[in-house]
Amino acid sequence: MNIVVIGGHGLVGRQVAALLRNDGHNVTAASRVTGVDIVTGAGLDDVLAGAHVVVDASNAEPPYGEPSYAFFTTGARHLLDAEQRAGVKHHVSISVVGTDRLESSPYFRGKAHAEAMIRASGVPYTILHATHFYEFLLAIVEAAIADQVLRLSPALIQPVASSDVAEAMAAIAVGEPFNATLELAGPERERMSDLVRRFVGDMESPFDVVTDPGAPYFGALLDDGSLVPRAEARCCTMPFNTWLRRSEYARANW
C-alpha cells in the first residue's frame, strides 16, 4: 500500500512511518524539509501521486495564538483538495480529545474547523482524538512559565505516550475508513497541576507549580470535562512513571 505521512519527521509522524515501513508498506514521509508545505500547498500534488492513504500528523508550531488557527485551517484545505485530485482512498488525521469543547483557544478552534473540512470533503476518513501526549508536558511548562512560577489549571487530564498513539494510527491507516472520530487515552487520570508538579520535580527544575483554576491553557479556560475522553475511548497501558523512566526528561540536568 502506498501511504504518505504528512508531518512524517515529527514526533508522531516519524513513528507512524517507521511502523508502516516495518509492516511492508511503501511509505513517504513528507514535511517542509522534503519540500512539502501544507500551508502553501507546495509539493502536495507530486507527493500524493499514487497514494492510497494519507496520514496527517502535522502540528502547528508554536501551539498557541492565531497562527496555529491559520495553520490547521489553511493546511487542511490544501491537503484535502490535493487528496481529491489524487484520488486518495483514506485520510487519517490526528487530533486532540476536547477539541470541540475549547473554541476560545485558536489552536483548538483551528483543529475543530479542520475536522469539519475533513468530514465535508468527500474523502473517506478516520479522525483519531488522542489525549495529550506525555511528551507535550514540556510545552505546557514552557507556555505557563512566568517568573519561575507555573500557574496551571487543576483540570483533569489523561495523557498518553506518543508511541501508543503512533501504533493506533498505523493500525487505522491500513484498515478501512471509519468515517468517524475515535478516541484514545492513557491509563491514568490526574489533575494537570499535580502531574506537571511531579514532572518538573523529577527533573529537579527550578519552577514552583501553583494550582490556579483561572490559569489559561493555550488561550482556553478548563473544567474537569475539557480534556478527558468520553466513556467509549480506548485506553492504552503505559503509565506516566514508566514513560518518564524511559524518557530523555528523567532527572534532566537543568
Protein backbone atom coordinates (compact mmCIF):
# COMPACT_ATOMS: atom_id res chain seq x y z
CA MET A 1 0.00 0.00 0.00
CA ASN A 2 1.27 3.49 -0.87
CA ILE A 3 1.00 5.71 2.22
CA VAL A 4 2.07 9.33 2.63
CA VAL A 5 2.67 10.62 6.16
CA ILE A 6 2.33 14.40 6.33
CA GLY A 7 4.46 15.67 9.19
CA GLY A 8 6.44 12.49 8.74
CA HIS A 9 9.51 13.83 10.51
CA GLY A 10 7.70 14.99 13.67
CA LEU A 11 7.17 13.24 16.98
CA VAL A 12 4.26 11.02 15.94
CA GLY A 13 4.70 11.08 12.19
CA ARG A 14 8.17 9.55 12.19
CA GLN A 15 6.98 6.72 14.47
CA VAL A 16 3.96 6.04 12.25
CA ALA A 17 6.16 5.99 9.14
CA ALA A 18 8.60 3.54 10.74
CA LEU A 19 5.83 1.19 11.88
CA LEU A 20 4.22 1.14 8.44
CA ARG A 21 7.54 0.54 6.68
CA ASN A 22 8.29 -2.33 9.04
CA ASP A 23 4.91 -3.77 8.05
CA GLY A 24 5.98 -3.78 4.39
CA HIS A 25 4.18 -0.71 3.08
CA ASN A 26 5.59 1.87 0.69
CA VAL A 27 5.77 4.97 2.90
CA THR A 28 6.73 8.53 2.04
CA ALA A 29 7.46 10.85 4.97
CA ALA A 30 6.56 14.37 3.80
CA SER A 31 7.29 17.66 5.55
CA ARG A 32 8.77 21.04 4.86
CA VAL A 33 12.27 19.53 4.97
CA THR A 34 11.29 17.41 1.94
CA GLY A 35 9.72 20.37 0.10
CA VAL A 36 6.10 19.69 1.09
CA ASP A 37 4.25 22.52 2.81
CA ILE A 38 0.53 22.15 3.51
CA VAL A 39 0.18 25.84 4.42
CA THR A 40 1.27 26.98 0.94
CA GLY A 41 0.30 23.78 -0.87
CA ALA A 42 3.81 23.38 -2.24
CA GLY A 43 4.75 19.84 -3.26
CA LEU A 44 1.41 18.25 -2.39
CA ASP A 45 0.35 17.14 -5.86
CA ASP A 46 3.71 15.49 -6.52
CA VAL A 47 3.96 13.67 -3.20
CA LEU A 48 0.35 12.41 -3.28
CA ALA A 49 0.53 10.99 -6.80
CA GLY A 50 -0.35 7.30 -6.48
CA ALA A 51 -1.08 7.48 -2.76
CA HIS A 52 -3.79 5.21 -1.36
CA VAL A 53 -3.72 6.61 2.18
CA VAL A 54 -2.67 9.93 3.69
CA VAL A 55 -1.83 10.16 7.38
CA ASP A 56 -1.83 13.76 8.57
CA ALA A 57 0.39 14.01 11.65
CA SER A 58 1.29 17.66 11.15
CA ASN A 59 1.13 20.14 14.01
CA ALA A 60 1.29 23.89 14.48
CA GLU A 61 4.44 25.42 15.90
CA PRO A 62 4.09 27.14 18.29
CA PRO A 63 0.86 25.55 19.56
CA TYR A 64 -0.84 28.81 20.56
CA GLY A 65 -2.01 32.09 19.06
CA GLU A 66 -3.83 32.87 15.84
CA PRO A 67 -1.04 31.44 13.63
CA SER A 68 -2.00 27.97 14.89
CA TYR A 69 -5.58 28.52 13.72
CA ALA A 70 -4.36 29.53 10.26
CA PHE A 71 -2.01 26.54 10.10
CA PHE A 72 -4.76 23.99 10.66
CA THR A 73 -7.46 25.56 8.51
CA THR A 74 -5.30 26.54 5.55
CA GLY A 75 -3.33 23.32 5.72
CA ALA A 76 -6.47 21.18 5.79
CA ARG A 77 -7.92 22.95 2.78
CA HIS A 78 -4.78 22.50 0.69
CA LEU A 79 -4.26 18.89 1.76
CA LEU A 80 -7.84 17.76 1.19
CA ASP A 81 -8.01 19.47 -2.21
CA ALA A 82 -4.82 17.66 -3.24
CA GLU A 83 -6.19 14.36 -1.96
CA GLN A 84 -9.32 14.77 -4.05
CA ARG A 85 -7.21 15.41 -7.15
CA ALA A 86 -5.06 12.36 -6.39
CA GLY A 87 -7.99 10.06 -5.63
CA VAL A 88 -6.82 9.22 -2.10
CA LYS A 89 -8.97 6.49 -0.53
CA HIS A 90 -8.42 7.17 3.18
CA HIS A 91 -7.49 10.30 5.11
CA VAL A 92 -6.25 9.61 8.65
CA SER A 93 -5.88 12.60 10.95
CA ILE A 94 -4.59 13.01 14.49
CA SER A 95 -6.41 15.49 16.69
CA VAL A 96 -6.97 16.13 20.39
CA VAL A 97 -9.60 14.98 22.86
CA GLY A 98 -11.59 18.05 23.84
CA THR A 99 -11.08 19.90 20.56
CA ASP A 100 -14.82 20.52 20.21
CA ARG A 101 -15.05 22.00 23.73
CA LEU A 102 -12.36 24.69 23.57
CA GLU A 103 -13.49 27.23 21.00
CA SER A 104 -11.80 30.08 22.90
CA SER A 105 -8.37 28.67 22.01
CA PRO A 106 -7.13 29.48 18.48
CA TYR A 107 -5.29 26.16 18.44
CA PHE A 108 -8.33 24.04 19.25
CA ARG A 109 -10.67 26.19 17.18
CA GLY A 110 -8.39 25.60 14.21
CA LYS A 111 -8.36 21.86 14.89
CA ALA A 112 -12.17 21.79 15.09
CA HIS A 113 -12.61 23.70 11.83
CA ALA A 114 -10.11 21.44 10.09
CA GLU A 115 -12.07 18.40 11.27
CA ALA A 116 -15.25 19.88 9.84
CA MET A 117 -13.49 20.25 6.49
CA ILE A 118 -12.40 16.61 6.63
CA ARG A 119 -15.97 15.42 7.25
CA ALA A 120 -17.32 17.54 4.38
CA SER A 121 -14.55 16.76 1.89
CA GLY A 122 -15.91 13.56 0.41
CA VAL A 123 -12.59 11.78 1.08
CA PRO A 124 -13.15 8.69 3.27
CA TYR A 125 -11.61 9.44 6.65
CA THR A 126 -10.80 8.47 10.19
CA ILE A 127 -10.05 11.09 12.84
CA LEU A 128 -8.23 9.94 15.96
CA HIS A 129 -8.77 12.12 19.02
CA ALA A 130 -5.92 11.41 21.42
CA THR A 131 -5.42 12.90 24.83
CA HIS A 132 -2.29 15.00 25.23
CA PHE A 133 1.00 13.19 24.91
CA TYR A 134 3.32 12.82 27.88
CA GLU A 135 5.89 14.48 25.63
CA PHE A 136 3.63 17.54 25.41
CA LEU A 137 4.07 18.27 29.12
CA LEU A 138 7.20 20.25 28.31
CA ALA A 139 5.19 22.55 26.02
CA ILE A 140 2.68 23.06 28.84
CA VAL A 141 5.55 24.07 31.11
CA GLU A 142 7.05 26.44 28.56
CA ALA A 143 3.69 28.12 27.91
CA ALA A 144 2.96 28.61 31.62
CA ILE A 145 6.30 29.94 32.88
CA ALA A 146 6.22 33.40 34.46
CA ASP A 147 8.97 34.48 36.88
CA GLN A 148 9.94 30.91 37.78
CA VAL A 149 6.30 30.10 38.61
CA LEU A 150 3.99 27.80 36.67
CA ARG A 151 0.32 28.66 37.12
CA LEU A 152 -1.65 25.67 35.95
CA SER A 153 -5.26 24.56 35.92
CA PRO A 154 -6.35 21.72 38.21
CA ALA A 155 -8.49 20.33 35.37
CA LEU A 156 -8.34 16.58 34.85
CA ILE A 157 -6.15 15.17 32.08
CA GLN A 158 -5.44 11.60 30.97
CA PRO A 159 -2.24 11.79 28.91
CA VAL A 160 -0.87 9.09 26.66
CA ALA A 161 2.51 8.03 25.26
CA SER A 162 3.15 9.16 21.68
CA SER A 163 4.33 5.64 20.85
CA ASP A 164 0.88 4.28 21.74
CA VAL A 165 -0.76 6.91 19.55
CA ALA A 166 1.57 6.06 16.65
CA GLU A 167 0.67 2.37 16.91
CA ALA A 168 -3.03 3.22 16.82
CA MET A 169 -2.62 5.48 13.80
CA ALA A 170 -0.60 2.91 11.89
CA ALA A 171 -3.28 0.29 12.51
CA ILE A 172 -6.01 2.70 11.38
CA ALA A 173 -4.08 3.60 8.22
CA VAL A 174 -4.08 0.05 6.89
CA GLY A 175 -7.74 -0.59 7.71
CA GLU A 176 -10.99 0.57 6.21
CA PRO A 177 -12.06 4.17 6.88
CA PHE A 178 -14.41 4.58 9.83
CA ASN A 179 -15.82 7.89 8.57
CA ALA A 180 -15.99 8.76 12.25
CA THR A 181 -13.95 10.07 15.17
CA LEU A 182 -12.29 7.62 17.57
CA GLU A 183 -10.85 8.47 21.00
CA LEU A 184 -7.62 7.25 22.59
CA ALA A 185 -6.32 7.97 26.10
CA GLY A 186 -3.70 6.98 28.60
CA PRO A 187 -4.40 4.69 31.59
CA GLU A 188 -4.31 7.30 34.37
CA ARG A 189 -6.44 10.37 35.09
CA GLU A 190 -4.87 13.13 37.15
CA ARG A 191 -5.10 16.86 37.72
CA MET A 192 -2.90 18.84 35.33
CA SER A 193 -1.20 20.91 38.02
CA ASP A 194 -0.42 17.78 40.07
CA LEU A 195 1.03 15.87 37.12
CA VAL A 196 3.20 18.78 36.00
CA ARG A 197 4.36 19.24 39.60
CA ARG A 198 5.58 15.62 39.57
CA PHE A 199 7.11 16.10 36.12
CA VAL A 200 9.17 19.18 36.98
CA GLY A 201 10.00 17.73 40.40
CA ASP A 202 11.51 14.63 38.85
CA MET A 203 13.58 16.84 36.56
CA GLU A 204 14.70 18.88 39.59
CA SER A 205 13.59 22.01 37.76
CA PRO A 206 13.70 25.46 39.37
CA PHE A 207 9.96 26.11 38.92
CA ASP A 208 7.23 26.33 41.53
CA VAL A 209 3.85 24.98 40.42
CA VAL A 210 0.80 26.92 41.59
CA THR A 211 -2.68 25.48 41.14
CA ASP A 212 -4.90 28.17 39.65
CA PRO A 213 -8.41 27.38 38.31
CA GLY A 214 -8.24 30.61 36.29
CA ALA A 215 -4.98 29.79 34.54
CA PRO A 216 -5.48 29.67 30.75
CA TYR A 217 -4.48 26.62 28.75
CA PHE A 218 -3.28 27.81 25.34
CA GLY A 219 -5.91 30.52 25.46
CA ALA A 220 -8.77 28.46 26.94
CA LEU A 221 -10.14 28.06 30.45
CA LEU A 222 -10.64 24.45 31.51
CA ASP A 223 -13.02 22.46 33.63
CA ASP A 224 -12.84 18.80 34.63
CA GLY A 225 -14.51 17.68 31.40
CA SER A 226 -12.46 19.72 28.95
CA LEU A 227 -9.56 17.37 28.20
CA VAL A 228 -10.69 13.89 29.23
CA PRO A 229 -12.23 11.31 26.92
CA ARG A 230 -15.76 10.03 26.76
CA ALA A 231 -16.68 6.61 28.14
CA GLU A 232 -16.13 4.75 24.85
CA ALA A 233 -12.48 5.78 24.46
CA ARG A 234 -9.80 3.12 24.09
CA CYS A 235 -7.28 3.33 26.95
CA CYS A 236 -3.62 2.45 26.43
CA THR A 237 -1.47 0.80 29.07
CA MET A 238 1.77 2.79 29.52
CA PRO A 239 1.58 4.77 32.80
CA PHE A 240 3.31 8.10 33.31
CA ASN A 241 6.06 6.79 35.61
CA THR A 242 7.05 4.09 33.11
CA TRP A 243 7.19 6.62 30.27
CA LEU A 244 9.20 9.08 32.36
CA ARG A 245 11.82 6.47 33.37
CA ARG A 246 12.39 5.71 29.69
CA SER A 247 12.33 9.31 28.50
CA GLU A 248 15.04 11.89 27.94
CA TYR A 249 13.47 14.02 30.68
CA ALA A 250 14.18 11.64 33.56
CA ARG A 251 16.35 13.58 36.03
CA ALA A 252 17.19 16.08 33.30
CA ASN A 253 20.06 18.46 34.09
CA TRP A 254 18.52 21.92 34.22
